[in-house]
N, C-alpha and C. Protein backbone atom coordinates (compact mmCIF):
# COMPACT_ATOMS: atom_id res chain seq x y z
N MET A 1 -1.56 -4.53 30.58
CA MET A 1 -1.63 -5.98 30.69
C MET A 1 -0.30 -6.57 30.25
N SER A 2 0.16 -7.58 30.97
CA SER A 2 1.39 -8.28 30.64
C SER A 2 1.05 -9.63 30.03
N THR A 3 1.96 -10.13 29.21
CA THR A 3 1.71 -11.41 28.55
C THR A 3 2.86 -12.38 28.82
N ILE A 4 2.51 -13.66 28.81
CA ILE A 4 3.49 -14.74 28.86
C ILE A 4 3.07 -15.78 27.84
N ARG A 5 4.01 -16.55 27.36
CA ARG A 5 3.72 -17.62 26.41
C ARG A 5 3.83 -18.97 27.09
N VAL A 6 2.98 -19.87 26.67
CA VAL A 6 2.97 -21.22 27.20
C VAL A 6 4.25 -21.94 26.81
N GLU A 7 4.82 -22.66 27.76
CA GLU A 7 5.98 -23.51 27.54
C GLU A 7 5.55 -24.96 27.69
N PRO A 8 6.21 -25.88 27.00
CA PRO A 8 5.92 -27.29 27.27
C PRO A 8 6.34 -27.64 28.70
N LEU A 9 5.60 -28.50 29.36
CA LEU A 9 5.94 -28.91 30.72
C LEU A 9 7.01 -29.99 30.66
N THR A 10 8.19 -29.67 31.20
CA THR A 10 9.28 -30.64 31.33
C THR A 10 9.74 -30.66 32.78
N ALA A 11 10.31 -31.78 33.18
CA ALA A 11 10.78 -31.91 34.55
C ALA A 11 11.84 -30.87 34.88
N ASP A 12 12.76 -30.60 33.97
CA ASP A 12 13.82 -29.63 34.22
C ASP A 12 13.27 -28.22 34.37
N ALA A 13 12.40 -27.80 33.47
CA ALA A 13 11.85 -26.44 33.52
C ALA A 13 10.98 -26.23 34.76
N PHE A 14 10.29 -27.27 35.21
CA PHE A 14 9.35 -27.16 36.31
C PHE A 14 10.00 -27.41 37.68
N ALA A 15 11.23 -27.92 37.71
CA ALA A 15 11.89 -28.33 38.95
C ALA A 15 11.89 -27.27 40.06
N PRO A 16 12.09 -25.98 39.79
CA PRO A 16 12.07 -25.01 40.90
C PRO A 16 10.71 -24.90 41.58
N PHE A 17 9.65 -25.35 40.92
CA PHE A 17 8.29 -25.19 41.43
C PHE A 17 7.69 -26.49 41.96
N GLY A 18 8.22 -27.62 41.49
CA GLY A 18 7.66 -28.90 41.90
C GLY A 18 8.08 -30.04 41.00
N ASP A 19 7.21 -31.04 40.93
CA ASP A 19 7.52 -32.29 40.23
C ASP A 19 6.52 -32.53 39.10
N VAL A 20 7.02 -33.08 38.00
CA VAL A 20 6.15 -33.53 36.92
C VAL A 20 5.87 -35.01 37.15
N LEU A 21 4.60 -35.36 37.13
CA LEU A 21 4.20 -36.75 37.34
C LEU A 21 3.88 -37.36 35.98
N GLU A 22 4.74 -38.26 35.53
CA GLU A 22 4.53 -38.89 34.23
C GLU A 22 5.25 -40.22 34.17
N ALA A 23 4.84 -41.05 33.23
CA ALA A 23 5.42 -42.38 33.05
C ALA A 23 6.64 -42.28 32.14
N ARG A 24 7.73 -41.75 32.70
CA ARG A 24 9.00 -41.62 31.97
C ARG A 24 10.14 -41.97 32.89
N GLY A 25 11.22 -42.40 32.30
CA GLY A 25 12.41 -42.73 33.08
C GLY A 25 12.39 -44.17 33.56
N PRO A 26 13.28 -44.48 34.50
CA PRO A 26 13.39 -45.86 34.99
C PRO A 26 12.09 -46.32 35.66
N SER A 27 11.83 -47.61 35.52
CA SER A 27 10.64 -48.18 36.15
C SER A 27 10.98 -49.55 36.71
N LEU A 28 10.12 -50.01 37.60
CA LEU A 28 10.22 -51.35 38.15
C LEU A 28 9.13 -52.19 37.50
N LEU A 29 9.48 -53.37 37.04
CA LEU A 29 8.51 -54.28 36.45
C LEU A 29 7.86 -55.09 37.58
N ILE A 30 6.53 -54.98 37.70
CA ILE A 30 5.80 -55.65 38.78
C ILE A 30 4.61 -56.40 38.21
N ASN A 31 3.84 -57.01 39.07
CA ASN A 31 2.62 -57.74 38.69
C ASN A 31 2.88 -58.76 37.60
N GLN A 32 3.83 -59.64 37.87
CA GLN A 32 4.20 -60.72 36.95
C GLN A 32 4.59 -60.19 35.58
N GLY A 33 5.27 -59.04 35.57
CA GLY A 33 5.76 -58.47 34.32
C GLY A 33 4.72 -57.73 33.50
N MET A 34 3.56 -57.48 34.07
CA MET A 34 2.46 -56.85 33.33
C MET A 34 2.32 -55.36 33.63
N CYS A 35 3.18 -54.81 34.50
CA CYS A 35 3.00 -53.41 34.91
C CYS A 35 4.35 -52.77 35.20
N HIS A 36 4.54 -51.56 34.71
CA HIS A 36 5.72 -50.75 35.04
C HIS A 36 5.35 -49.80 36.17
N ARG A 37 6.17 -49.78 37.21
CA ARG A 37 5.97 -48.84 38.31
C ARG A 37 7.03 -47.74 38.20
N PHE A 38 6.59 -46.53 37.96
CA PHE A 38 7.45 -45.35 37.94
C PHE A 38 7.40 -44.81 39.37
N HIS A 39 8.43 -45.05 40.12
CA HIS A 39 8.43 -45.00 41.58
C HIS A 39 8.82 -43.64 42.15
N ASP A 40 8.09 -43.22 43.18
CA ASP A 40 8.44 -42.08 44.03
C ASP A 40 8.69 -40.80 43.20
N LEU A 41 7.67 -40.36 42.50
CA LEU A 41 7.81 -39.24 41.55
C LEU A 41 7.62 -37.86 42.15
N ALA A 42 7.11 -37.76 43.38
CA ALA A 42 6.79 -36.44 43.93
C ALA A 42 7.37 -36.26 45.32
N ARG A 43 7.79 -35.02 45.59
CA ARG A 43 8.28 -34.65 46.91
C ARG A 43 7.09 -34.17 47.75
N LEU A 44 6.25 -35.12 48.17
CA LEU A 44 5.08 -34.78 48.97
C LEU A 44 5.53 -34.29 50.34
N ASP A 45 4.85 -33.27 50.86
CA ASP A 45 5.24 -32.64 52.11
C ASP A 45 3.98 -32.16 52.82
N PHE A 46 3.66 -32.78 53.95
CA PHE A 46 2.45 -32.42 54.67
C PHE A 46 2.74 -31.86 56.06
N GLY A 47 4.01 -31.55 56.34
CA GLY A 47 4.37 -30.96 57.62
C GLY A 47 4.24 -31.97 58.76
N VAL A 48 4.63 -31.53 59.95
CA VAL A 48 4.62 -32.44 61.09
C VAL A 48 3.22 -32.68 61.65
N ASP A 49 2.30 -31.73 61.42
CA ASP A 49 0.96 -31.90 61.98
C ASP A 49 -0.11 -32.08 60.91
N GLY A 50 0.30 -32.43 59.70
CA GLY A 50 -0.64 -32.65 58.62
C GLY A 50 -0.61 -34.09 58.15
N ARG A 51 -1.58 -34.44 57.33
CA ARG A 51 -1.62 -35.76 56.73
C ARG A 51 -2.03 -35.61 55.27
N ALA A 52 -1.79 -36.64 54.48
CA ALA A 52 -2.20 -36.63 53.08
C ALA A 52 -3.70 -36.83 52.96
N GLY A 53 -4.30 -36.05 52.10
CA GLY A 53 -5.71 -36.22 51.78
C GLY A 53 -5.87 -36.26 50.27
N ILE A 54 -6.85 -37.01 49.82
CA ILE A 54 -7.16 -37.06 48.39
C ILE A 54 -8.57 -36.52 48.20
N SER A 55 -8.69 -35.51 47.36
CA SER A 55 -9.98 -34.91 47.03
C SER A 55 -10.16 -34.98 45.52
N ILE A 56 -11.39 -34.81 45.08
CA ILE A 56 -11.69 -34.71 43.65
C ILE A 56 -12.13 -33.28 43.38
N PHE A 57 -11.51 -32.64 42.39
CA PHE A 57 -11.88 -31.28 41.97
C PHE A 57 -12.47 -31.39 40.57
N GLN A 58 -13.50 -30.62 40.30
CA GLN A 58 -14.03 -30.50 38.95
C GLN A 58 -14.08 -29.02 38.61
N ALA A 59 -13.24 -28.61 37.67
CA ALA A 59 -13.09 -27.19 37.32
C ALA A 59 -13.62 -26.95 35.91
N ARG A 60 -14.19 -25.76 35.71
CA ARG A 60 -14.66 -25.38 34.38
C ARG A 60 -13.49 -25.19 33.44
N PRO A 61 -13.62 -25.69 32.22
CA PRO A 61 -12.55 -25.50 31.23
C PRO A 61 -12.38 -24.03 30.86
N ARG A 62 -11.14 -23.66 30.58
CA ARG A 62 -10.81 -22.34 30.07
C ARG A 62 -10.21 -22.50 28.68
N ALA A 63 -9.87 -21.39 28.04
CA ALA A 63 -9.28 -21.44 26.70
C ALA A 63 -8.16 -20.40 26.62
N LEU A 64 -7.24 -20.64 25.71
CA LEU A 64 -6.19 -19.66 25.42
C LEU A 64 -6.69 -18.70 24.35
N PRO A 65 -6.36 -17.43 24.40
CA PRO A 65 -5.62 -16.79 25.48
C PRO A 65 -6.42 -16.79 26.77
N TYR A 66 -5.69 -16.89 27.87
CA TYR A 66 -6.29 -16.98 29.20
C TYR A 66 -5.77 -15.82 30.05
N GLN A 67 -6.67 -15.11 30.70
CA GLN A 67 -6.29 -13.96 31.51
C GLN A 67 -6.47 -14.27 33.00
N PHE A 68 -5.50 -13.85 33.81
CA PHE A 68 -5.59 -14.08 35.26
C PHE A 68 -4.88 -12.96 36.01
N ASP A 69 -5.28 -12.77 37.26
CA ASP A 69 -4.56 -11.85 38.13
C ASP A 69 -4.36 -12.45 39.53
N LEU A 70 -4.87 -13.65 39.76
CA LEU A 70 -4.81 -14.29 41.07
C LEU A 70 -3.88 -15.50 41.04
N VAL A 71 -2.99 -15.56 42.03
CA VAL A 71 -2.20 -16.77 42.30
C VAL A 71 -2.35 -17.07 43.78
N GLU A 72 -1.98 -18.29 44.14
CA GLU A 72 -2.09 -18.72 45.53
C GLU A 72 -0.92 -19.62 45.86
N ARG A 73 -0.75 -19.86 47.16
CA ARG A 73 0.25 -20.84 47.59
C ARG A 73 -0.22 -21.48 48.88
N HIS A 74 0.41 -22.61 49.19
CA HIS A 74 0.07 -23.39 50.36
C HIS A 74 1.32 -23.51 51.23
N PRO A 75 1.45 -22.66 52.27
CA PRO A 75 2.69 -22.61 53.05
C PRO A 75 2.92 -23.82 53.95
N LEU A 76 1.90 -24.64 54.18
CA LEU A 76 2.04 -25.76 55.11
C LEU A 76 2.17 -27.12 54.44
N GLY A 77 2.08 -27.17 53.11
CA GLY A 77 2.19 -28.47 52.46
C GLY A 77 2.17 -28.40 50.95
N SER A 78 2.59 -29.48 50.34
CA SER A 78 2.59 -29.60 48.89
C SER A 78 1.16 -29.85 48.39
N GLN A 79 0.98 -29.74 47.06
CA GLN A 79 -0.32 -30.00 46.45
C GLN A 79 -0.10 -30.59 45.06
N ALA A 80 -0.70 -31.75 44.81
CA ALA A 80 -0.55 -32.44 43.52
C ALA A 80 -1.88 -32.47 42.78
N PHE A 81 -1.82 -32.24 41.47
CA PHE A 81 -2.98 -32.34 40.59
C PHE A 81 -2.73 -33.50 39.63
N VAL A 82 -3.62 -34.49 39.66
CA VAL A 82 -3.53 -35.65 38.78
C VAL A 82 -4.81 -35.69 37.95
N PRO A 83 -4.71 -35.41 36.64
CA PRO A 83 -5.91 -35.38 35.81
C PRO A 83 -6.56 -36.75 35.72
N MET A 84 -7.89 -36.75 35.65
CA MET A 84 -8.63 -38.00 35.52
C MET A 84 -9.16 -38.18 34.11
N SER A 85 -8.58 -37.44 33.17
CA SER A 85 -8.83 -37.60 31.74
C SER A 85 -7.51 -37.31 31.04
N ALA A 86 -7.41 -37.67 29.79
CA ALA A 86 -6.16 -37.51 29.05
C ALA A 86 -6.11 -36.18 28.29
N ASP A 87 -6.53 -35.11 28.95
CA ASP A 87 -6.56 -33.80 28.32
C ASP A 87 -5.47 -32.90 28.88
N PRO A 88 -4.79 -32.13 28.04
CA PRO A 88 -3.81 -31.16 28.55
C PRO A 88 -4.48 -30.13 29.46
N PHE A 89 -3.71 -29.61 30.40
CA PHE A 89 -4.18 -28.50 31.23
C PHE A 89 -3.05 -27.50 31.41
N LEU A 90 -3.43 -26.30 31.77
CA LEU A 90 -2.50 -25.19 31.93
C LEU A 90 -2.01 -25.14 33.37
N VAL A 91 -0.71 -24.94 33.56
CA VAL A 91 -0.11 -24.83 34.88
C VAL A 91 0.62 -23.49 34.96
N ILE A 92 0.19 -22.64 35.87
CA ILE A 92 0.82 -21.33 36.05
C ILE A 92 1.54 -21.32 37.38
N VAL A 93 2.79 -20.88 37.38
CA VAL A 93 3.60 -20.80 38.59
C VAL A 93 4.36 -19.48 38.59
N ALA A 94 4.84 -19.08 39.76
CA ALA A 94 5.65 -17.88 39.88
C ALA A 94 6.68 -18.07 40.98
N PRO A 95 7.89 -17.56 40.78
CA PRO A 95 8.89 -17.64 41.86
C PRO A 95 8.51 -16.71 43.00
N ASP A 96 8.97 -17.04 44.19
CA ASP A 96 8.74 -16.18 45.34
C ASP A 96 9.77 -15.06 45.34
N ARG A 97 9.30 -13.84 45.53
CA ARG A 97 10.15 -12.65 45.62
C ARG A 97 9.85 -11.95 46.94
N ASP A 98 10.56 -12.36 47.99
CA ASP A 98 10.39 -11.76 49.32
C ASP A 98 8.94 -11.83 49.80
N GLY A 99 8.33 -13.01 49.66
CA GLY A 99 6.98 -13.23 50.16
C GLY A 99 5.87 -12.87 49.20
N ARG A 100 6.22 -12.41 48.00
CA ARG A 100 5.23 -12.09 46.97
C ARG A 100 5.63 -12.82 45.69
N PRO A 101 4.67 -13.10 44.82
CA PRO A 101 5.03 -13.79 43.58
C PRO A 101 5.74 -12.85 42.61
N GLY A 102 6.73 -13.40 41.91
CA GLY A 102 7.39 -12.68 40.83
C GLY A 102 6.63 -12.88 39.53
N ASP A 103 7.31 -12.63 38.42
CA ASP A 103 6.69 -12.81 37.11
C ASP A 103 6.33 -14.27 36.89
N PRO A 104 5.10 -14.54 36.47
CA PRO A 104 4.66 -15.93 36.32
C PRO A 104 5.20 -16.58 35.05
N ARG A 105 5.12 -17.90 35.05
CA ARG A 105 5.40 -18.73 33.87
C ARG A 105 4.20 -19.64 33.68
N ALA A 106 3.96 -20.04 32.44
CA ALA A 106 2.84 -20.93 32.13
C ALA A 106 3.36 -22.16 31.40
N PHE A 107 2.90 -23.32 31.82
CA PHE A 107 3.28 -24.59 31.21
C PHE A 107 2.03 -25.30 30.73
N LEU A 108 2.17 -26.06 29.67
CA LEU A 108 1.08 -26.87 29.14
C LEU A 108 1.46 -28.33 29.27
N THR A 109 0.60 -29.11 29.93
CA THR A 109 0.85 -30.54 30.07
C THR A 109 0.55 -31.24 28.74
N THR A 110 0.98 -32.47 28.64
CA THR A 110 0.77 -33.25 27.42
C THR A 110 -0.57 -33.98 27.40
N GLY A 111 -1.25 -34.02 28.53
CA GLY A 111 -2.44 -34.85 28.66
C GLY A 111 -2.12 -36.17 29.34
N ALA A 112 -0.83 -36.45 29.51
CA ALA A 112 -0.39 -37.66 30.22
C ALA A 112 0.53 -37.28 31.37
N GLN A 113 0.34 -36.07 31.91
CA GLN A 113 1.18 -35.58 33.00
C GLN A 113 0.31 -35.00 34.11
N GLY A 114 0.76 -35.18 35.33
CA GLY A 114 0.22 -34.47 36.47
C GLY A 114 1.34 -33.62 37.04
N ILE A 115 1.04 -32.86 38.08
CA ILE A 115 2.08 -32.03 38.69
C ILE A 115 1.93 -32.05 40.21
N ASN A 116 3.04 -31.79 40.88
CA ASN A 116 3.06 -31.61 42.33
C ASN A 116 3.76 -30.29 42.62
N PHE A 117 3.02 -29.34 43.22
CA PHE A 117 3.62 -28.08 43.64
C PHE A 117 4.32 -28.29 44.98
N LEU A 118 5.55 -27.81 45.09
CA LEU A 118 6.24 -27.84 46.36
C LEU A 118 5.57 -26.90 47.36
N ARG A 119 5.76 -27.17 48.62
CA ARG A 119 5.23 -26.31 49.68
C ARG A 119 5.67 -24.86 49.42
N GLY A 120 4.70 -23.93 49.49
CA GLY A 120 5.00 -22.51 49.35
C GLY A 120 5.15 -22.00 47.94
N THR A 121 4.89 -22.83 46.93
CA THR A 121 5.02 -22.40 45.53
C THR A 121 3.80 -21.59 45.11
N TRP A 122 4.04 -20.39 44.60
CA TRP A 122 2.95 -19.58 44.04
C TRP A 122 2.47 -20.25 42.77
N HIS A 123 1.15 -20.40 42.62
CA HIS A 123 0.61 -21.04 41.43
C HIS A 123 -0.78 -20.51 41.12
N GLY A 124 -1.16 -20.67 39.86
CA GLY A 124 -2.50 -20.29 39.44
C GLY A 124 -3.51 -21.33 39.89
N VAL A 125 -4.77 -21.01 39.67
CA VAL A 125 -5.84 -21.94 40.01
C VAL A 125 -5.85 -23.10 39.01
N LEU A 126 -6.55 -24.15 39.34
CA LEU A 126 -6.68 -25.30 38.46
C LEU A 126 -7.30 -24.86 37.14
N THR A 127 -6.60 -25.12 36.03
CA THR A 127 -7.00 -24.55 34.74
C THR A 127 -7.05 -25.61 33.64
N PRO A 128 -8.11 -26.42 33.63
CA PRO A 128 -8.25 -27.38 32.53
C PRO A 128 -8.59 -26.64 31.24
N LEU A 129 -8.23 -27.25 30.13
CA LEU A 129 -8.54 -26.67 28.82
C LEU A 129 -9.62 -27.45 28.09
N ALA A 130 -10.14 -28.50 28.73
CA ALA A 130 -11.21 -29.31 28.15
C ALA A 130 -12.05 -29.91 29.26
N ALA A 131 -13.30 -30.18 28.95
CA ALA A 131 -14.18 -30.87 29.89
C ALA A 131 -13.76 -32.35 29.93
N PRO A 132 -13.88 -33.03 31.05
CA PRO A 132 -14.69 -32.67 32.19
C PRO A 132 -13.97 -31.85 33.26
N GLY A 133 -12.64 -31.63 33.13
CA GLY A 133 -11.92 -30.86 34.13
C GLY A 133 -11.87 -31.54 35.48
N LEU A 134 -11.75 -32.86 35.47
CA LEU A 134 -11.80 -33.67 36.68
C LEU A 134 -10.37 -34.07 37.09
N PHE A 135 -10.03 -33.82 38.37
CA PHE A 135 -8.69 -34.08 38.88
C PHE A 135 -8.75 -34.72 40.26
N ALA A 136 -7.83 -35.64 40.51
CA ALA A 136 -7.55 -36.08 41.87
C ALA A 136 -6.51 -35.11 42.42
N VAL A 137 -6.75 -34.59 43.62
CA VAL A 137 -5.85 -33.63 44.24
C VAL A 137 -5.36 -34.23 45.55
N ILE A 138 -4.04 -34.31 45.68
CA ILE A 138 -3.43 -34.84 46.89
C ILE A 138 -2.78 -33.66 47.60
N ASP A 139 -3.30 -33.33 48.78
CA ASP A 139 -2.72 -32.21 49.52
C ASP A 139 -2.86 -32.40 51.01
N ARG A 140 -2.41 -31.40 51.75
CA ARG A 140 -2.34 -31.46 53.20
C ARG A 140 -3.70 -31.25 53.84
N ILE A 141 -4.01 -32.13 54.79
CA ILE A 141 -5.18 -31.98 55.64
C ILE A 141 -4.64 -31.81 57.06
N GLY A 142 -5.06 -30.75 57.74
CA GLY A 142 -4.59 -30.54 59.10
C GLY A 142 -4.84 -29.12 59.56
N PRO A 143 -4.43 -28.83 60.78
CA PRO A 143 -4.68 -27.50 61.35
C PRO A 143 -3.82 -26.42 60.69
N GLY A 144 -4.25 -25.18 60.84
CA GLY A 144 -3.49 -24.04 60.34
C GLY A 144 -4.05 -23.51 59.03
N ASP A 145 -3.64 -22.32 58.68
CA ASP A 145 -4.08 -21.65 57.46
C ASP A 145 -3.12 -22.01 56.33
N ASN A 146 -3.56 -22.88 55.44
CA ASN A 146 -2.69 -23.38 54.37
C ASN A 146 -3.01 -22.76 53.02
N LEU A 147 -3.57 -21.56 53.01
CA LEU A 147 -3.87 -20.88 51.75
C LEU A 147 -3.55 -19.40 51.88
N GLN A 148 -2.70 -18.92 50.96
CA GLN A 148 -2.43 -17.49 50.82
C GLN A 148 -2.71 -17.13 49.37
N GLU A 149 -3.44 -16.04 49.17
CA GLU A 149 -3.75 -15.58 47.82
C GLU A 149 -3.08 -14.23 47.57
N TYR A 150 -2.77 -13.98 46.29
CA TYR A 150 -2.16 -12.71 45.89
C TYR A 150 -2.78 -12.29 44.56
N ARG A 151 -3.15 -11.03 44.46
CA ARG A 151 -3.67 -10.48 43.20
C ARG A 151 -2.63 -9.53 42.62
N TYR A 152 -2.25 -9.78 41.38
CA TYR A 152 -1.35 -8.87 40.67
C TYR A 152 -2.08 -7.55 40.41
N ASP A 153 -1.36 -6.45 40.42
CA ASP A 153 -1.95 -5.14 40.12
C ASP A 153 -2.42 -5.07 38.67
N VAL A 154 -1.71 -5.76 37.80
CA VAL A 154 -2.03 -5.80 36.37
C VAL A 154 -2.27 -7.25 35.98
N ALA A 155 -3.34 -7.51 35.26
CA ALA A 155 -3.66 -8.88 34.82
C ALA A 155 -2.61 -9.39 33.83
N TRP A 156 -2.41 -10.68 33.84
CA TRP A 156 -1.52 -11.37 32.90
C TRP A 156 -2.37 -12.11 31.88
N THR A 157 -1.91 -12.16 30.66
CA THR A 157 -2.56 -12.95 29.61
C THR A 157 -1.59 -14.03 29.15
N VAL A 158 -2.08 -15.27 29.15
CA VAL A 158 -1.29 -16.41 28.69
C VAL A 158 -1.65 -16.65 27.24
N LEU A 159 -0.63 -16.62 26.38
CA LEU A 159 -0.82 -16.84 24.94
C LEU A 159 -0.28 -18.21 24.56
N PRO A 160 -0.80 -18.78 23.49
CA PRO A 160 -0.23 -20.06 23.01
C PRO A 160 1.27 -19.91 22.74
N GLY A 161 1.98 -21.04 22.85
CA GLY A 161 3.43 -21.04 22.66
C GLY A 161 3.83 -20.77 21.31
């Protein structure tokens, strides 16, 4: 069994895999000065024959240490997870190595962050660490097979940072 340690989720560390969705950085003041708009935070990509869809996912909470051997990717479009509660969740990603995932990395959100996986990014399944595990998911709706799964020969264990 191989192990990895949780890293804090930052925009710089996560950039090769996607976007961190959070209320940080420059904003536009709107609604008569009552609201900050943090604009255009994700590189959404639905391909030429896809469209954006919003779904609600409810996943069972997990706990650290967390063991996994399955990752997946979506070759035809990006996928964003926006939590519907203020609870941290685990984000597992892996670089592509000639069509297969390399060694994974694990990030822990702050509870005030969502993420957007770039098209083709290997990632773990939705992994909340607390109930209710409710997320808005923005991803590609359209023709074609937009899911590839890969099982590691040896399971990985994610340990606290």
